[in-house]
PDB file of N, CA and C in Angstrom:
ATOM      1  N   MET A   1     -83.136  82.202  -7.305  1.00  0.00           N
ATOM      2  CA  MET A   1     -82.111  81.690  -6.538  1.00  0.00           C
ATOM      3  C   MET A   1     -81.232  82.745  -6.002  1.00  0.00           C
ATOM      4  N   TRP A   2     -80.829  83.582  -6.863  1.00  0.00           N
ATOM      5  CA  TRP A   2     -80.002  84.665  -6.689  1.00  0.00           C
ATOM      6  C   TRP A   2     -80.972  85.768  -5.700  1.00  0.00           C
ATOM      7  N   ARG A   3     -82.771  85.923  -5.715  1.00  0.00           N
ATOM      8  CA  ARG A   3     -82.916  86.708  -4.928  1.00  0.00           C
ATOM      9  C   ARG A   3     -83.265  86.576  -3.588  1.00  0.00           C
ATOM     10  N   ILE A   4     -83.402  84.904  -3.244  1.00  0.00           N
ATOM     11  CA  ILE A   4     -83.972  84.283  -2.318  1.00  0.00           C
ATOM     12  C   ILE A   4     -82.886  84.327  -1.304  1.00  0.00           C
ATOM     13  N   ILE A   5     -81.465  84.436  -1.746  1.00  0.00           N
ATOM     14  CA  ILE A   5     -80.198  85.353  -1.171  1.00  0.00           C
ATOM     15  C   ILE A   5     -80.054  86.573  -0.673  1.00  0.00           C
ATOM     16  N   THR A   6     -80.469  87.151  -1.750  1.00  0.00           N
ATOM     17  CA  THR A   6     -79.871  88.675  -1.303  1.00  0.00           C
ATOM     18  C   THR A   6     -80.962  89.573  -0.966  1.00  0.00           C
ATOM     19  N   ILE A   7     -82.258  89.095  -1.061  1.00  0.00           N
ATOM     20  CA  ILE A   7     -83.479  90.564  -0.207  1.00  0.00           C
ATOM     21  C   ILE A   7     -83.388  90.284   1.142  1.00  0.00           C
ATOM     22  N   PRO A   8     -82.784  88.550   1.779  1.00  0.00           N
ATOM     23  CA  PRO A   8     -82.894  88.830   3.267  1.00  0.00           C
ATOM     24  C   PRO A   8     -81.544  89.256   3.894  1.00  0.00           C
ATOM     25  N   PHE A   9     -80.807  89.278   2.829  1.00  0.00           N
ATOM     26  CA  PHE A   9     -79.207  89.551   3.114  1.00  0.00           C
ATOM     27  C   PHE A   9     -79.333  91.213   3.302  1.00  0.00           C
ATOM     28  N   ALA A  10     -79.966  91.886   2.861  1.00  0.00           N
ATOM     29  CA  ALA A  10     -79.840  93.310   2.427  1.00  0.00           C
ATOM     30  C   ALA A  10     -81.357  94.242   3.341  1.00  0.00           C
ATOM     31  N   LEU A  11     -81.642  93.302   3.504  1.00  0.00           N
ATOM     32  CA  LEU A  11     -82.560  93.657   4.880  1.00  0.00           C
ATOM     33  C   LEU A  11     -82.373  93.447   5.947  1.00  0.00           C
ATOM     34  N   LEU A  12     -81.133  92.322   6.504  1.00  0.00           N
ATOM     35  CA  LEU A  12     -80.384  92.278   7.771  1.00  0.00           C
ATOM     36  C   LEU A  12     -79.119  93.801   7.459  1.00  0.00           C
ATOM     37  N   LEU A  13     -78.708  93.651   6.616  1.00  0.00           N
ATOM     38  CA  LEU A  13     -77.915  94.784   6.110  1.00  0.00           C
ATOM     39  C   LEU A  13     -78.490  96.381   6.733  1.00  0.00           C
ATOM     40  N   LEU A  14     -79.917  96.572   6.322  1.00  0.00           N
ATOM     41  CA  LEU A  14     -80.211  97.659   6.367  1.00  0.00           C
ATOM     42  C   LEU A  14     -80.863  97.882   7.851  1.00  0.00           C
ATOM     43  N   ILE A  15     -81.110  96.666   8.424  1.00  0.00           N
ATOM     44  CA  ILE A  15     -81.332  96.809   9.843  1.00  0.00           C
ATOM     45  C   ILE A  15     -79.891  97.171  10.847  1.00  0.00           C
ATOM     46  N   VAL A  16     -79.084  96.764  10.257  1.00  0.00           N
ATOM     47  CA  VAL A  16     -77.681  96.421  11.448  1.00  0.00           C
ATOM     48  C   VAL A  16     -77.383  98.000  11.082  1.00  0.00           C
ATOM     49  N   GLY A  17     -77.313  98.289   9.392  1.00  0.00           N
ATOM     50  CA  GLY A  17     -76.953  99.433   9.031  1.00  0.00           C
ATOM     51  C   GLY A  17     -77.842 100.662  10.241  1.00  0.00           C
ATOM     52  N   ALA A  18     -78.910 100.919  10.195  1.00  0.00           N
ATOM     53  CA  ALA A  18     -79.728 102.151  11.070  1.00  0.00           C
ATOM     54  C   ALA A  18     -79.463 101.342  12.787  1.00  0.00           C
ATOM     55  N   ILE A  19     -79.182 100.353  13.299  1.00  0.00           N
ATOM     56  CA  ILE A  19     -78.433 100.603  14.681  1.00  0.00           C
ATOM     57  C   ILE A  19     -77.090 101.252  14.578  1.00  0.00           C
ATOM     58  N   LEU A  20     -76.088 100.594  13.859  1.00  0.00           N
ATOM     59  CA  LEU A  20     -74.973 101.277  13.417  1.00  0.00           C
ATOM     60  C   LEU A  20     -74.835 103.049  13.000  1.00  0.00           C
ATOM     61  N   ALA A  21     -75.637 103.376  12.928  1.00  0.00           N
ATOM     62  CA  ALA A  21     -75.790 104.854  11.971  1.00  0.00           C
ATOM     63  C   ALA A  21     -75.191 105.541  13.258  1.00  0.00           C
ATOM     64  N   PRO A  22     -76.081 105.905  14.260  1.00  0.00           N
ATOM     65  CA  PRO A  22     -75.603 107.180  14.966  1.00  0.00           C
ATOM     66  C   PRO A  22     -74.216 106.659  15.964  1.00  0.00           C
ATOM     67  N   THR A  23     -73.328 105.689  15.238  1.00  0.00           N
ATOM     68  CA  THR A  23     -72.458 105.820  16.359  1.00  0.00           C
ATOM     69  C   THR A  23     -71.208 106.412  15.730  1.00  0.00           C
ATOM     70  N   PRO A  24     -69.824 107.152  16.454  1.00  0.00           N
ATOM     71  CA  PRO A  24     -68.953 107.502  16.006  1.00  0.00           C
ATOM     72  C   PRO A  24     -68.705 107.653  15.131  1.00  0.00           C
ATOM     73  N   ILE A  25     -68.161 106.229  14.386  1.00  0.00           N
ATOM     74  CA  ILE A  25     -67.847 106.097  13.230  1.00  0.00           C
ATOM     75  C   ILE A  25     -69.010 105.501  12.770  1.00  0.00           C
ATOM     76  N   PRO A  26     -69.447 106.172  11.565  1.00  0.00           N
ATOM     77  CA  PRO A  26     -70.983 105.732  10.780  1.00  0.00           C
ATOM     78  C   PRO A  26     -70.370 104.672   9.862  1.00  0.00           C
ATOM     79  N   VAL A  27     -70.358 103.610  10.246  1.00  0.00           N
ATOM     80  CA  VAL A  27     -70.031 102.423   9.535  1.00  0.00           C
ATOM     81  C   VAL A  27     -71.697 101.781   8.747  1.00  0.00           C
ATOM     82  N   GLY A  28     -72.606 102.557   9.464  1.00  0.00           N
ATOM     83  CA  GLY A  28     -73.861 101.733   9.540  1.00  0.00           C
ATOM     84  C   GLY A  28     -74.453 102.599   7.677  1.00  0.00           C
ATOM     85  N   VAL A  29     -73.887 104.103   7.490  1.00  0.00           N
ATOM     86  CA  VAL A  29     -74.771 104.570   6.668  1.00  0.00           C
ATOM     87  C   VAL A  29     -74.046 104.148   4.875  1.00  0.00           C
ATOM     88  N   PRO A  30     -72.732 103.348   4.618  1.00  0.00           N
ATOM     89  CA  PRO A  30     -72.776 102.940   3.610  1.00  0.00           C
ATOM     90  C   PRO A  30     -73.370 101.087   3.497  1.00  0.00           C
ATOM     91  N   MET A  31     -73.360 100.754   4.971  1.00  0.00           N
ATOM     92  CA  MET A  31     -74.318  99.439   5.064  1.00  0.00           C
ATOM     93  C   MET A  31     -75.874  99.640   4.189  1.00  0.00           C
ATOM     94  N   MET A  32     -76.383 100.729   5.032  1.00  0.00           N
ATOM     95  CA  MET A  32     -77.569 101.195   4.216  1.00  0.00           C
ATOM     96  C   MET A  32     -77.348 101.585   2.779  1.00  0.00           C
ATOM     97  N   ALA A  33     -76.541 102.010   2.404  1.00  0.00           N
ATOM     98  CA  ALA A  33     -76.804 102.237   1.013  1.00  0.00           C
ATOM     99  C   ALA A  33     -76.821 101.264   0.182  1.00  0.00           C
ATOM    100  N   LEU A  34     -75.490 100.435   0.644  1.00  0.00           N
ATOM    101  CA  LEU A  34     -75.101  98.591  -0.055  1.00  0.00           C
ATOM    102  C   LEU A  34     -76.563  97.847   0.709  1.00  0.00           C
ATOM    103  N   ALA A  35     -77.099  98.418   1.528  1.00  0.00           N
ATOM    104  CA  ALA A  35     -78.688  97.356   1.322  1.00  0.00           C
ATOM    105  C   ALA A  35     -79.616  97.694   0.145  1.00  0.00           C
ATOM    106  N   ILE A  36     -79.674  99.332   0.177  1.00  0.00           N
ATOM    107  CA  ILE A  36     -80.666  99.653  -0.408  1.00  0.00           C
ATOM    108  C   ILE A  36     -80.399  99.523  -2.369  1.00  0.00           C
ATOM    109  N   PHE A  37     -79.170  99.478  -2.316  1.00  0.00           N
ATOM    110  CA  PHE A  37     -78.548  98.903  -4.014  1.00  0.00           C
ATOM    111  C   PHE A  37     -79.215  97.891  -3.924  1.00  0.00           C
ATOM    112  N   LEU A  38     -78.995  96.883  -3.028  1.00  0.00           N
ATOM    113  CA  LEU A  38     -79.309  95.510  -3.357  1.00  0.00           C
ATOM    114  C   LEU A  38     -80.679  94.608  -3.640  1.00  0.00           C
ATOM    115  N   LEU A  39     -81.668  96.183  -2.619  1.00  0.00           N
ATOM    116  CA  LEU A  39     -82.963  95.945  -2.678  1.00  0.00           C
ATOM    117  C   LEU A  39     -83.719  96.373  -3.761  1.00  0.00           C
ATOM    118  N   ILE A  40     -83.081  97.406  -4.495  1.00  0.00           N
ATOM    119  CA  ILE A  40     -83.600  98.057  -5.808  1.00  0.00           C
ATOM    120  C   ILE A  40     -83.145  97.207  -7.117  1.00  0.00           C
ATOM    121  N   GLY A  41     -82.259  96.486  -6.956  1.00  0.00           N
ATOM    122  CA  GLY A  41     -81.512  95.624  -7.654  1.00  0.00           C
ATOM    123  C   GLY A  41     -82.648  94.258  -7.956  1.00  0.00           C
ATOM    124  N   SER A  42     -82.939  93.900  -6.812  1.00  0.00           N
ATOM    125  CA  SER A  42     -83.643  92.529  -6.478  1.00  0.00           C
ATOM    126  C   SER A  42     -85.250  92.314  -6.236  1.00  0.00           C
ATOM    127  N   SER A  43     -85.640  93.585  -6.141  1.00  0.00           N
ATOM    128  CA  SER A  43     -87.353  93.791  -6.044  1.00  0.00           C
ATOM    129  C   SER A  43     -88.199  95.114  -6.678  1.00  0.00           C
ATOM    130  N   LYS A  44     -88.677  94.290  -7.236  1.00  0.00           N
ATOM    131  CA  LYS A  44     -89.781  95.885  -8.258  1.00  0.00           C
ATOM    132  C   LYS A  44     -90.158  96.252  -6.899  1.00  0.00           C
ATOM    133  N   PHE A  45     -91.101  95.761  -5.964  1.00  0.00           N
ATOM    134  CA  PHE A  45     -91.637  96.390  -4.824  1.00  0.00           C
ATOM    135  C   PHE A  45     -90.367  97.586  -4.185  1.00  0.00           C
ATOM    136  N   ALA A  46     -89.499  97.028  -3.805  1.00  0.00           N
ATOM    137  CA  ALA A  46     -88.551  97.925  -3.143  1.00  0.00           C
ATOM    138  C   ALA A  46     -87.881  98.868  -4.121  1.00  0.00           C
ATOM    139  N   LEU A  47     -87.832  98.896  -5.426  1.00  0.00           N
ATOM    140  CA  LEU A  47     -87.935  99.910  -6.277  1.00  0.00           C
ATOM    141  C   LEU A  47     -88.938 100.836  -6.480  1.00  0.00           C
ATOM    142  N   ARG A  48     -90.302 100.503  -6.434  1.00  0.00           N
ATOM    143  CA  ARG A  48     -91.263 101.552  -6.061  1.00  0.00           C
ATOM    144  C   ARG A  48     -91.414 102.244  -5.197  1.00  0.00           C
ATOM    145  N   SER A  49     -91.269 101.296  -3.811  1.00  0.00           N
ATOM    146  CA  SER A  49     -91.004 102.224  -2.610  1.00  0.00           C
ATOM    147  C   SER A  49     -89.571 103.481  -2.010  1.00  0.00           C
ATOM    148  N   VAL A  50     -88.698 102.799  -2.915  1.00  0.00           N
ATOM    149  CA  VAL A  50     -87.487 103.797  -2.992  1.00  0.00           C
ATOM    150  C   VAL A  50     -88.021 105.372  -3.824  1.00  0.00           C
ATOM    151  N   ARG A  51     -88.525 104.819  -5.000  1.00  0.00           N
ATOM    152  CA  ARG A  51     -88.808 105.933  -5.728  1.00  0.00           C
ATOM    153  C   ARG A  51     -89.900 107.040  -4.794  1.00  0.00           C
ATOM    154  N   ARG A  52     -90.748 106.082  -4.191  1.00  0.00           N
ATOM    155  CA  ARG A  52     -92.118 107.011  -3.260  1.00  0.00           C
ATOM    156  C   ARG A  52     -91.586 107.769  -1.890  1.00  0.00           C
ATOM    157  N   LEU A  53     -90.363 107.111  -1.553  1.00  0.00           N
ATOM    158  CA  LEU A  53     -89.540 107.769  -0.711  1.00  0.00           C
ATOM    159  C   LEU A  53     -88.546 109.224  -1.213  1.00  0.00           C
ATOM    160  N   ARG A  54     -87.914 108.728  -2.042  1.00  0.00           N
ATOM    161  CA  ARG A  54     -87.346 109.965  -3.028  1.00  0.00           C
ATOM    162  C   ARG A  54     -88.381 111.285  -3.104  1.00  0.00           C
ATOM    163  N   ARG A  55     -89.603 110.684  -3.596  1.00  0.00           N
ATOM    164  CA  ARG A  55     -90.120 111.879  -3.878  1.00  0.00           C
ATOM    165  C   ARG A  55     -90.877 112.657  -2.615  1.00  0.00           C
ATOM    166  N   ARG A  56     -90.799 111.739  -1.508  1.00  0.00           N
ATOM    167  CA  ARG A  56     -91.820 112.236  -0.367  1.00  0.00           C
ATOM    168  C   ARG A  56     -90.564 112.992   0.562  1.00  0.00           C
ATOM    169  N   TRP A  57     -89.291 112.450   0.487  1.00  0.00           N
ATOM    170  CA  TRP A  57     -88.324 113.235   1.544  1.00  0.00           C
ATOM    171  C   TRP A  57     -87.163 113.740   0.442  1.00  0.00           C
ATOM    172  N   GLN A  58     -86.772 115.099   0.454  1.00  0.00           N
ATOM    173  CA  GLN A  58     -86.140 115.715  -0.396  1.00  0.00           C
ATOM    174  C   GLN A  58     -84.405 115.471   0.149  1.00  0.00           C
ATOM    175  N   GLY A  59     -84.328 114.927   1.162  1.00  0.00           N
ATOM    176  CA  GLY A  59     -83.396 114.887   1.726  1.00  0.00           C
ATOM    177  C   GLY A  59     -82.947 113.524   1.354  1.00  0.00           C
ATOM    178  N   LEU A  60     -83.469 112.601   1.741  1.00  0.00           N
ATOM    179  CA  LEU A  60     -83.204 111.191   0.938  1.00  0.00           C
ATOM    180  C   LEU A  60     -83.093 111.121  -0.616  1.00  0.00           C
ATOM    181  N   ASP A  61     -84.053 111.637  -1.175  1.00  0.00           N
ATOM    182  CA  ASP A  61     -83.276 112.641  -2.879  1.00  0.00           C
ATOM    183  C   ASP A  61     -81.645 112.527  -2.916  1.00  0.00           C
ATOM    184  N   ARG A  62     -81.770 114.029  -2.252  1.00  0.00           N
ATOM    185  CA  ARG A  62     -80.578 114.300  -2.290  1.00  0.00           C
ATOM    186  C   ARG A  62     -79.370 113.795  -2.237  1.00  0.00           C
ATOM    187  N   ALA A  63     -79.175 112.762  -1.186  1.00  0.00           N
ATOM    188  CA  ALA A  63     -78.482 111.646  -0.853  1.00  0.00           C
ATOM    189  C   ALA A  63     -78.090 110.519  -1.854  1.00  0.00           C
ATOM    190  N   LEU A  64     -79.132 110.424  -2.178  1.00  0.00           N
ATOM    191  CA  LEU A  64     -78.758 109.436  -3.291  1.00  0.00           C
ATOM    192  C   LEU A  64     -78.512 109.729  -4.706  1.00  0.00           C
ATOM    193  N   THR A  65     -78.775 110.960  -5.241  1.00  0.00           N
ATOM    194  CA  THR A  65     -78.318 111.766  -5.922  1.00  0.00           C
ATOM    195  C   THR A  65     -76.626 112.010  -6.109  1.00  0.00           C
ATOM    196  N   ALA A  66     -76.366 112.131  -4.617  1.00  0.00           N
ATOM    197  CA  ALA A  66     -75.132 112.349  -4.446  1.00  0.00           C
ATOM    198  C   ALA A  66     -74.217 111.106  -4.481  1.00  0.00           C
ATOM    199  N   LEU A  67     -75.012 109.591  -4.369  1.00  0.00           N
ATOM    200  CA  LEU A  67     -74.485 108.358  -4.367  1.00  0.00           C
ATOM    201  C   LEU A  67     -74.517 108.547  -6.046  1.00  0.00           C
ATOM    202  N   GLU A  68     -75.500 108.682  -6.715  1.00  0.00           N
ATOM    203  CA  GLU A  68     -75.153 108.605  -8.331  1.00  0.00           C
ATOM    204  C   GLU A  68     -73.928 109.136  -8.756  1.00  0.00           C
ATOM    205  N   THR A  69     -74.062 110.381  -8.364  1.00  0.00           N
ATOM    206  CA  THR A  69     -72.467 111.362  -9.279  1.00  0.00           C
ATOM    207  C   THR A  69     -71.419 110.637  -8.543  1.00  0.00           C
ATOM    208  N   ARG A  70     -71.148 110.072  -7.540  1.00  0.00           N
ATOM    209  CA  ARG A  70     -69.929 109.573  -6.993  1.00  0.00           C
ATOM    210  C   ARG A  70     -69.504 107.970  -7.092  1.00  0.00           C
ATOM    211  N   THR A  71     -70.589 107.487  -7.793  1.00  0.00           N
ATOM    212  CA  THR A  71     -70.417 105.845  -8.017  1.00  0.00           C
ATOM    213  C   THR A  71     -70.354 105.711  -9.914  1.00  0.00           C
ATOM    214  N   ALA A  72     -69.827 104.866 -10.185  1.00  0.00           N
ATOM    215  CA  ALA A  72     -70.067 104.624 -11.524  1.00  0.00           C
ATOM    216  C   ALA A  72     -70.305 103.105 -11.614  1.00  0.00           C
ATOM    217  N   GLY A  73     -70.865 102.957 -13.025  1.00  0.00           N
ATOM    218  CA  GLY A  73     -71.229 101.713 -13.915  1.00  0.00           C
ATOM    219  C   GLY A  73     -72.619 101.236 -12.643  1.00  0.00           C
ATOM    220  N   THR A  74     -72.363  99.442 -12.855  1.00  0.00           N
ATOM    221  CA  THR A  74     -73.784  99.134 -12.328  1.00  0.00           C
ATOM    222  C   THR A  74     -74.554 100.005 -11.220  1.00  0.00           C
ATOM    223  N   ILE A  75     -73.582 100.331 -10.438  1.00  0.00           N
ATOM    224  CA  ILE A  75     -73.969 100.886  -8.662  1.00  0.00           C
ATOM    225  C   ILE A  75     -75.101 102.346  -9.334  1.00  0.00           C
ATOM    226  N   ALA A  76     -74.071 103.164 -10.239  1.00  0.00           N
ATOM    227  CA  ALA A  76     -74.821 104.484 -10.480  1.00  0.00           C
ATOM    228  C   ALA A  76     -76.367 104.027 -11.092  1.00  0.00           C
ATOM    229  N   ARG A  77     -76.350 103.406 -12.368  1.00  0.00           N
ATOM    230  CA  ARG A  77     -77.481 102.937 -13.067  1.00  0.00           C
ATOM    231  C   ARG A  77     -78.466 102.634 -12.003  1.00  0.00           C
ATOM    232  N   THR A  78     -78.143 101.245 -11.170  1.00  0.00           N
ATOM    233  CA  THR A  78     -79.251 101.062 -10.493  1.00  0.00           C
ATOM    234  C   THR A  78     -79.918 101.915  -9.470  1.00  0.00           C
ATOM    235  N   PHE A  79     -78.888 103.272  -8.896  1.00  0.00           N
ATOM    236  CA  PHE A  79     -79.700 104.155  -8.165  1.00  0.00           C
ATOM    237  C   PHE A  79     -80.562 105.202  -8.877  1.00  0.00           C
ATOM    238  N   LYS A  80     -80.211 105.557 -10.121  1.00  0.00           N
ATOM    239  CA  LYS A  80     -80.573 106.246 -11.089  1.00  0.00           C
ATOM    240  C   LYS A  80     -82.042 105.679 -11.052  1.00  0.00           C
ATOM    241  N   ARG A  81     -82.105 104.386 -11.369  1.00  0.00           N
ATOM    242  CA  ARG A  81     -83.576 103.491 -11.554  1.00  0.00           C
ATOM    243  C   ARG A  81     -84.630 103.803 -10.434  1.00  0.00           C
ATOM    244  N   SER A  82     -84.094 104.386  -9.599  1.00  0.00           N
ATOM    245  CA  SER A  82     -84.692 104.662  -8.658  1.00  0.00           C
ATOM    246  C   SER A  82     -85.517 106.103  -8.346  1.00  0.00           C
ATOM    247  N   ARG A  83     -84.890 107.030  -9.220  1.00  0.00           N
ATOM    248  CA  ARG A  83     -85.469 108.322  -8.993  1.00  0.00           C
ATOM    249  C   ARG A  83     -86.652 108.535  -9.656  1.00  0.00           C
ATOM    250  N   PRO A  84     -87.219 109.334  -8.731  1.00  0.00           N
ATOM    251  CA  PRO A  84     -88.705 109.575  -8.843  1.00  0.00           C
ATOM    252  C   PRO A  84     -89.250 110.119 -10.169  1.00  0.00           C
ATOM    253  N   HIS A  85     -90.432 109.598 -10.825  1.00  0.00           N
ATOM    254  CA  HIS A  85     -90.779 110.388 -12.012  1.00  0.00           C
ATOM    255  C   HIS A  85     -91.559 111.666 -12.098  1.00  0.00           C
ATOM    256  N   ARG A  86     -91.163 112.497 -12.423  1.00  0.00           N
ATOM    257  CA  ARG A  86     -91.328 113.914 -11.995  1.00  0.00           C
ATOM    258  C   ARG A  86     -91.916 114.251 -13.244  1.00  0.00           C
ATOM    259  N   PRO A  87     -93.674 115.230 -13.221  1.00  0.00           N
ATOM    260  CA  PRO A  87     -93.631 115.160 -14.808  1.00  0.00           C
ATOM    261  C   PRO A  87     -93.199 116.880 -14.758  1.00  0.00           C
ATOM    262  N   ARG A  88     -92.740 117.306 -15.939  1.00  0.00           N
ATOM    263  CA  ARG A  88     -91.971 118.033 -16.654  1.00  0.00           C
ATOM    264  C   ARG A  88     -92.417 119.468 -17.209  1.00  0.00           C
TER     265      ARG A  88
END
């Protein structure tokens, strides 16, 4: 039941955040971060997709890594789950 509500809400937040991101007051950026957090937590497909995007785009990886360090608890753990698997 939770996923049925969360996924469409997160997708709506992501779309609205992308539209509002270039405005003078960038309220869209936190909205997109919240949407990504909700999607990662509720969808394995979204988790794999974010991992793939983080591997491909270093700027996104750096931004989400910065979010990991600036947040605590569940939010930080959720973003850490989306780290790409890199061979050592």
